[in-house]
Amino acid sequence: MAGTGTVDTSEELAVLVRNDFIESRHAGSVVVVDPAGKVLFSKGDPNALVFPRSAMKLFQAMGIFSTGLELSPEFTALATSSHTGSAAHVELVKELLATGGFTETDLKCATEWPVNKDMLKQVYKADGGALPIYHCCSGKHAAMLLACTHEGWPTENYLDRDHPLQVRILEAVEYLTGETITSTAVDGCGAPVHAMPLVALASGVAKMHAADDSTPLGIKNSAEKLFESMLAHPWIVGDHGEPDVIIMEELGFTAKSGYEGVFIVSTPDGTTVATKILDGNLRVAPIVALQALVRAGALEQSKLDALIPRLHTDVYGGGKVVGQLQTTL
């Protein structure tokens, strides 16, 4: 059976320390590439296949916007969002759908309860339930629907692997990664997700930065607008207090998390890190990614140290800080 890296090919990337005792060890792989895709730093197996999960939204956006679809910066950021179902996010998704004459009933993503606590309370209070619009990927799905309308493609089956939109997205993925995709699965939201080497995930994002007028699928303009929109509206991409949002707010680096331990960060010049925590635990992925950028010379240690307190690394015991998540790069 095909799969991601193994325990033998992975390396320890971080530990959780509680009262001077290492309670947990987190293994996986991490790789940093320069703007040309050359490997600057790695640990573990940079060639291990991974499902990028929501980190693939940057690639999906290249396929979506290759149709010529034009969206406002807010809606462009929403196309990459892994939101929490907050009231503000839900309203944005409804507004985006309305621009194409759609309603939330047109969304084909899975149903989900809001992760945002305030919105969850509202739903319970109103005796509501799980809905597609609360799904963290509903913004991406709304953008997919609009892209289909822009091209005159059918919308009722836009998640099928052989739908023109999904074929276009696969074309963008293979161009940017330089890989022929051999493993595809159904992501949590229902859209296809493609396996790629971890290093190809990083170099694919770097290639978006390096795109020029000769780059196919209009990637140059799409990528420029995408990165600008994400950095201008970080909270739309996730939610206030999320690690990828904090990184965009504080460092001005594009960042995106993906379930099962995937995290990418890309500097303005295209230096990009991708990490995969082997057991799927996301809590250490952001600090591993940032420490790898330090090791590659793309981030100052002092800037990372100043950011660490906001990245949920403290370990609590009895309501007091008794330890810390620490990288071992």
Protein backbone atom coordinates (compact mmCIF):
# COMPACT_ATOMS: atom_id res chain seq x y z
CA MET A 1 0.00 0.00 0.00
CA ALA A 2 1.30 3.46 -0.90
CA GLY A 3 1.91 5.78 2.02
CA THR A 4 3.89 8.57 3.59
CA GLY A 5 7.31 8.31 5.20
CA THR A 6 8.05 5.64 7.77
CA VAL A 7 9.38 5.76 11.31
CA ASP A 8 12.76 4.59 10.02
CA THR A 9 13.06 7.41 7.48
CA SER A 10 11.78 10.13 9.85
CA GLU A 11 13.73 12.08 12.45
CA GLU A 12 12.84 13.62 15.78
CA LEU A 13 11.81 17.22 15.17
CA ALA A 14 10.43 18.36 18.54
CA VAL A 15 9.78 17.31 22.11
CA LEU A 16 7.28 18.28 24.76
CA VAL A 17 9.00 18.91 28.09
CA ARG A 18 7.01 18.83 31.33
CA ASN A 19 8.93 19.70 34.50
CA ASP A 20 12.27 18.76 32.91
CA PHE A 21 10.87 15.41 31.72
CA ILE A 22 10.44 14.70 28.00
CA GLU A 23 6.83 13.59 27.85
CA SER A 24 6.36 13.36 24.08
CA ARG A 25 8.62 13.11 21.04
CA HIS A 26 7.47 14.22 17.60
CA ALA A 27 9.08 12.70 14.52
CA GLY A 28 8.66 13.57 10.88
CA SER A 29 10.33 15.37 8.01
CA VAL A 30 11.03 18.98 7.13
CA VAL A 31 12.62 20.62 4.10
CA VAL A 32 13.51 24.20 3.14
CA VAL A 33 14.06 25.20 -0.50
CA ASP A 34 15.36 28.45 -1.96
CA PRO A 35 13.39 30.45 -4.57
CA ALA A 36 14.82 28.23 -7.32
CA GLY A 37 13.76 25.04 -5.53
CA LYS A 38 17.23 24.05 -4.32
CA VAL A 39 17.24 22.30 -0.94
CA LEU A 40 18.82 24.47 1.76
CA PHE A 41 18.04 22.34 4.81
CA SER A 42 16.25 19.09 5.56
CA LYS A 43 15.71 16.48 8.22
CA GLY A 44 13.98 13.16 7.80
CA ASP A 45 12.88 12.20 4.30
CA PRO A 46 12.15 15.22 2.07
CA ASN A 47 11.05 12.85 -0.70
CA ALA A 48 8.36 11.19 1.41
CA LEU A 49 4.95 11.38 -0.21
CA VAL A 50 2.40 13.45 1.69
CA PHE A 51 -1.17 14.51 1.24
CA PRO A 52 -0.87 18.31 1.71
CA ARG A 53 -4.49 18.46 2.84
CA SER A 54 -5.45 22.13 3.29
CA ALA A 55 -1.92 23.25 2.40
CA MET A 56 -2.88 22.24 -1.15
CA LYS A 57 -5.35 25.14 -1.25
CA LEU A 58 -2.63 27.36 -2.69
CA PHE A 59 -2.32 24.95 -5.62
CA GLN A 60 -6.09 24.63 -5.96
CA ALA A 61 -6.31 28.41 -6.08
CA MET A 62 -3.97 28.41 -9.10
CA GLY A 63 -6.43 26.16 -10.90
CA ILE A 64 -9.44 28.19 -9.79
CA PHE A 65 -7.97 31.52 -10.89
CA SER A 66 -6.58 30.10 -14.13
CA THR A 67 -10.16 30.41 -15.37
CA GLY A 68 -9.81 34.19 -15.31
CA LEU A 69 -12.11 34.51 -12.31
CA GLU A 70 -11.53 37.85 -10.60
CA LEU A 71 -12.30 38.22 -6.90
CA SER A 72 -11.73 40.94 -4.32
CA PRO A 73 -8.71 40.50 -2.01
CA GLU A 74 -11.02 39.35 0.79
CA PHE A 75 -12.66 36.70 -1.37
CA THR A 76 -9.29 35.67 -2.81
CA ALA A 77 -8.02 35.00 0.72
CA LEU A 78 -11.26 33.14 1.47
CA ALA A 79 -10.52 30.74 -1.39
CA THR A 80 -7.54 29.45 0.66
CA SER A 81 -9.30 29.58 4.02
CA SER A 82 -9.45 26.81 6.60
CA HIS A 83 -11.83 28.84 8.70
CA THR A 84 -13.46 28.06 12.03
CA GLY A 85 -17.06 28.70 11.03
CA SER A 86 -17.11 32.05 12.80
CA ALA A 87 -19.99 34.41 12.05
CA ALA A 88 -17.66 36.66 10.03
CA HIS A 89 -16.37 33.75 7.94
CA VAL A 90 -19.85 32.37 7.30
CA GLU A 91 -21.08 35.78 6.19
CA LEU A 92 -18.14 36.10 3.79
CA VAL A 93 -18.90 32.70 2.27
CA LYS A 94 -22.55 33.66 1.79
CA GLU A 95 -21.51 36.92 0.12
CA LEU A 96 -19.10 35.12 -2.20
CA LEU A 97 -21.73 32.59 -3.17
CA ALA A 98 -24.23 35.36 -3.86
CA THR A 99 -21.88 37.06 -6.34
CA GLY A 100 -22.33 34.02 -8.56
CA GLY A 101 -26.03 33.56 -7.91
CA PHE A 102 -25.42 30.62 -5.57
CA THR A 103 -26.65 29.83 -2.06
CA GLU A 104 -25.19 27.58 0.60
CA THR A 105 -27.36 24.72 -0.70
CA ASP A 106 -25.08 24.60 -3.76
CA LEU A 107 -22.04 23.69 -1.66
CA LYS A 108 -21.00 20.05 -2.03
CA CYS A 109 -18.52 20.02 0.84
CA ALA A 110 -19.19 17.85 3.87
CA THR A 111 -21.34 19.11 6.73
CA GLU A 112 -19.60 20.33 9.86
CA TRP A 113 -20.33 22.04 13.16
CA PRO A 114 -18.64 25.41 13.70
CA VAL A 115 -15.29 25.15 15.44
CA ASN A 116 -15.59 28.75 16.57
CA LYS A 117 -17.01 28.62 20.10
CA ASP A 118 -19.21 31.71 19.82
CA MET A 119 -20.77 30.48 16.59
CA LEU A 120 -21.22 26.99 18.00
CA LYS A 121 -23.15 28.46 20.94
CA GLN A 122 -25.38 30.38 18.50
CA VAL A 123 -26.10 27.25 16.51
CA TYR A 124 -26.97 25.25 19.63
CA LYS A 125 -29.12 28.08 20.95
CA ALA A 126 -31.04 28.19 17.67
CA ASP A 127 -31.44 24.40 17.72
CA GLY A 128 -29.40 24.27 14.53
CA GLY A 129 -27.09 21.59 13.21
CA ALA A 130 -24.04 20.81 11.14
CA LEU A 131 -24.06 22.47 7.71
CA PRO A 132 -21.71 22.60 4.69
CA ILE A 133 -21.21 26.35 5.13
CA TYR A 134 -19.66 25.76 8.57
CA HIS A 135 -17.07 23.45 7.01
CA CYS A 136 -13.57 24.90 7.14
CA CYS A 137 -13.28 24.56 3.34
CA SER A 138 -16.58 26.21 2.37
CA GLY A 139 -14.81 29.33 1.08
CA LYS A 140 -12.72 27.24 -1.31
CA HIS A 141 -15.82 25.43 -2.49
CA ALA A 142 -17.63 28.71 -3.11
CA ALA A 143 -14.68 29.87 -5.24
CA MET A 144 -14.78 26.57 -7.12
CA LEU A 145 -18.44 27.12 -7.97
CA LEU A 146 -17.74 30.60 -9.29
CA ALA A 147 -14.82 29.33 -11.39
CA CYS A 148 -17.12 26.74 -12.95
CA THR A 149 -19.70 29.41 -13.82
CA HIS A 150 -16.97 31.62 -15.29
CA GLU A 151 -15.94 28.82 -17.66
CA GLY A 152 -19.45 27.53 -18.33
CA TRP A 153 -18.67 24.22 -16.63
CA PRO A 154 -21.35 22.23 -14.76
CA THR A 155 -21.54 22.91 -11.04
CA GLU A 156 -23.47 19.95 -9.68
CA ASN A 157 -20.45 17.60 -9.97
CA TYR A 158 -17.56 20.03 -9.48
CA LEU A 159 -15.83 17.66 -7.02
CA ASP A 160 -15.56 14.74 -9.46
CA ARG A 161 -11.97 13.89 -10.36
CA ASP A 162 -12.75 14.10 -14.06
CA HIS A 163 -14.60 17.43 -13.82
CA PRO A 164 -12.85 20.12 -15.91
CA LEU A 165 -12.07 22.17 -12.80
CA GLN A 166 -10.40 19.26 -11.00
CA VAL A 167 -8.50 18.39 -14.17
CA ARG A 168 -7.29 22.00 -14.34
CA ILE A 169 -6.22 21.90 -10.68
CA LEU A 170 -4.31 18.68 -11.30
CA GLU A 171 -2.60 20.36 -14.24
CA ALA A 172 -1.50 23.21 -11.97
CA VAL A 173 -0.31 20.77 -9.29
CA GLU A 174 1.77 18.75 -11.75
CA TYR A 175 3.27 21.83 -13.37
CA LEU A 176 4.24 23.46 -10.07
CA THR A 177 5.58 20.31 -8.41
CA GLY A 178 7.17 18.82 -11.53
CA GLU A 179 5.64 15.51 -10.49
CA THR A 180 3.25 13.11 -12.18
CA ILE A 181 0.59 12.47 -9.57
CA THR A 182 0.14 8.75 -8.89
CA SER A 183 -1.95 8.80 -5.70
CA THR A 184 -5.18 10.76 -5.28
CA ALA A 185 -7.71 10.49 -2.46
CA VAL A 186 -10.83 12.26 -1.24
CA ASP A 187 -10.04 15.05 1.20
CA GLY A 188 -12.16 15.69 4.27
CA CYS A 189 -14.20 18.30 2.43
CA GLY A 190 -14.88 15.98 -0.51
CA ALA A 191 -12.44 17.47 -3.04
CA PRO A 192 -9.59 15.45 -4.57
CA VAL A 193 -6.27 15.67 -2.72
CA HIS A 194 -3.05 14.64 -4.46
CA ALA A 195 0.01 13.01 -2.89
CA MET A 196 3.34 14.67 -3.62
CA PRO A 197 6.88 14.54 -2.20
CA LEU A 198 7.31 16.95 0.71
CA VAL A 199 10.10 18.72 -1.18
CA ALA A 200 7.77 19.14 -4.19
CA LEU A 201 5.17 20.77 -1.93
CA ALA A 202 7.79 23.31 -0.85
CA SER A 203 9.26 23.85 -4.31
CA GLY A 204 5.78 24.18 -5.83
CA VAL A 205 5.04 27.15 -3.59
CA ALA A 206 8.48 28.62 -4.35
CA LYS A 207 7.68 28.25 -8.04
CA MET A 208 4.55 30.37 -7.57
CA HIS A 209 6.77 33.20 -6.31
CA ALA A 210 9.17 32.78 -9.23
CA ALA A 211 6.48 32.69 -11.94
CA ASP A 212 6.89 35.08 -14.86
CA ASP A 213 4.81 36.03 -17.87
CA SER A 214 5.75 32.81 -19.66
CA THR A 215 4.43 30.63 -16.82
CA PRO A 216 1.29 28.77 -17.94
CA LEU A 217 -2.20 28.98 -16.46
CA GLY A 218 -1.75 32.66 -15.57
CA ILE A 219 0.07 31.56 -12.42
CA LYS A 220 2.18 34.71 -12.19
CA ASN A 221 -0.76 37.08 -11.73
CA SER A 222 -2.79 34.58 -9.71
CA ALA A 223 0.05 33.89 -7.29
CA GLU A 224 0.89 37.56 -6.80
CA LYS A 225 -2.70 38.39 -5.97
CA LEU A 226 -3.08 35.32 -3.78
CA PHE A 227 -0.04 36.06 -1.61
CA GLU A 228 -0.97 39.74 -1.33
CA SER A 229 -4.55 38.89 -0.34
CA MET A 230 -3.54 36.32 2.27
CA LEU A 231 -1.09 38.73 3.90
CA ALA A 232 -3.58 41.60 3.78
CA HIS A 233 -6.34 39.53 5.42
CA PRO A 234 -4.68 36.77 7.49
CA TRP A 235 -7.70 36.18 9.74
CA ILE A 236 -9.78 35.16 6.73
CA VAL A 237 -7.29 32.37 5.95
CA GLY A 238 -7.80 30.79 9.38
CA ASP A 239 -8.95 32.70 12.43
CA HIS A 240 -7.51 35.04 15.03
CA GLY A 241 -4.88 33.29 17.14
CA GLU A 242 -4.18 30.43 14.74
CA PRO A 243 -0.44 29.81 14.14
CA ASP A 244 -0.52 30.39 10.37
CA VAL A 245 -2.46 33.62 10.92
CA ILE A 246 0.00 34.81 13.57
CA ILE A 247 2.96 34.08 11.28
CA MET A 248 1.40 36.12 8.47
CA GLU A 249 0.55 38.98 10.82
CA GLU A 250 3.89 39.16 12.61
CA LEU A 251 6.45 38.05 10.01
CA GLY A 252 4.78 38.86 6.71
CA PHE A 253 5.44 35.28 5.55
CA THR A 254 2.71 33.34 3.75
CA ALA A 255 1.70 30.37 5.91
CA LYS A 256 -0.82 27.56 5.61
CA SER A 257 -1.59 24.58 7.77
CA GLY A 258 -2.98 21.24 6.66
CA TYR A 259 -4.49 18.44 8.71
CA GLU A 260 -2.34 15.46 9.64
CA GLY A 261 0.70 17.49 10.56
CA VAL A 262 1.43 19.47 7.39
CA PHE A 263 2.59 23.08 7.56
CA ILE A 264 4.12 25.40 4.96
CA VAL A 265 5.69 28.83 5.31
CA SER A 266 7.01 30.92 2.44
CA THR A 267 9.04 34.14 2.71
CA PRO A 268 8.44 37.06 0.34
CA ASP A 269 11.38 36.01 -1.86
CA GLY A 270 10.03 32.46 -2.22
CA THR A 271 12.22 30.59 0.27
CA THR A 272 9.76 27.94 1.43
CA VAL A 273 9.59 25.31 4.16
CA ALA A 274 7.28 22.32 4.29
CA THR A 275 6.98 19.96 7.22
CA LYS A 276 5.10 16.75 7.92
CA ILE A 277 4.72 15.48 11.48
CA LEU A 278 4.58 11.73 11.06
CA ASP A 279 1.72 10.98 13.43
CA GLY A 280 -0.38 13.88 12.12
CA ASN A 281 -0.02 16.07 15.21
CA LEU A 282 -0.16 19.72 14.15
CA ARG A 283 0.79 21.35 17.46
CA VAL A 284 4.54 21.35 16.81
CA ALA A 285 4.52 21.80 13.03
CA PRO A 286 4.62 25.64 13.07
CA ILE A 287 7.65 25.93 15.35
CA VAL A 288 9.44 23.16 13.45
CA ALA A 289 8.84 24.98 10.16
CA LEU A 290 10.05 28.31 11.54
CA GLN A 291 13.13 26.80 13.22
CA ALA A 292 14.00 25.15 9.90
CA LEU A 293 13.86 28.59 8.24
CA VAL A 294 16.29 29.81 10.90
CA ARG A 295 18.62 26.89 10.14
CA ALA A 296 18.40 27.76 6.43
CA GLY A 297 19.30 31.41 7.12
CA ALA A 298 15.90 32.73 6.04
CA LEU A 299 14.74 33.91 9.49
CA GLU A 300 16.55 35.48 12.42
CA GLN A 301 16.47 33.45 15.64
CA SER A 302 15.57 36.57 17.61
CA LYS A 303 12.42 37.06 15.54
CA LEU A 304 11.36 33.47 16.12
CA ASP A 305 12.09 33.76 19.85
CA ALA A 306 9.90 36.84 20.04
CA LEU A 307 7.06 34.99 18.30
CA ILE A 308 7.24 31.73 20.27
CA PRO A 309 5.03 32.93 23.19
CA ARG A 310 2.13 33.40 20.73
CA LEU A 311 2.46 29.97 19.12
CA HIS A 312 0.86 27.94 21.91
CA THR A 313 4.09 26.25 23.00
CA ASP A 314 3.62 26.53 26.78
CA VAL A 315 2.88 23.35 28.73
CA TYR A 316 0.59 23.80 31.72
CA GLY A 317 0.28 21.97 35.02
CA GLY A 318 -2.15 23.10 37.69
CA GLY A 319 -2.84 26.26 35.73
CA LYS A 320 0.82 27.26 35.64
CA VAL A 321 3.48 26.98 32.94
CA VAL A 322 5.61 23.92 33.76
CA GLY A 323 7.22 23.20 30.42
CA GLN A 324 7.49 23.91 26.74
CA LEU A 325 7.26 22.45 23.27
CA GLN A 326 10.80 22.61 21.90
CA THR A 327 12.28 21.88 18.49
CA THR A 328 15.24 19.51 18.23
CA LEU A 329 16.53 20.61 14.82
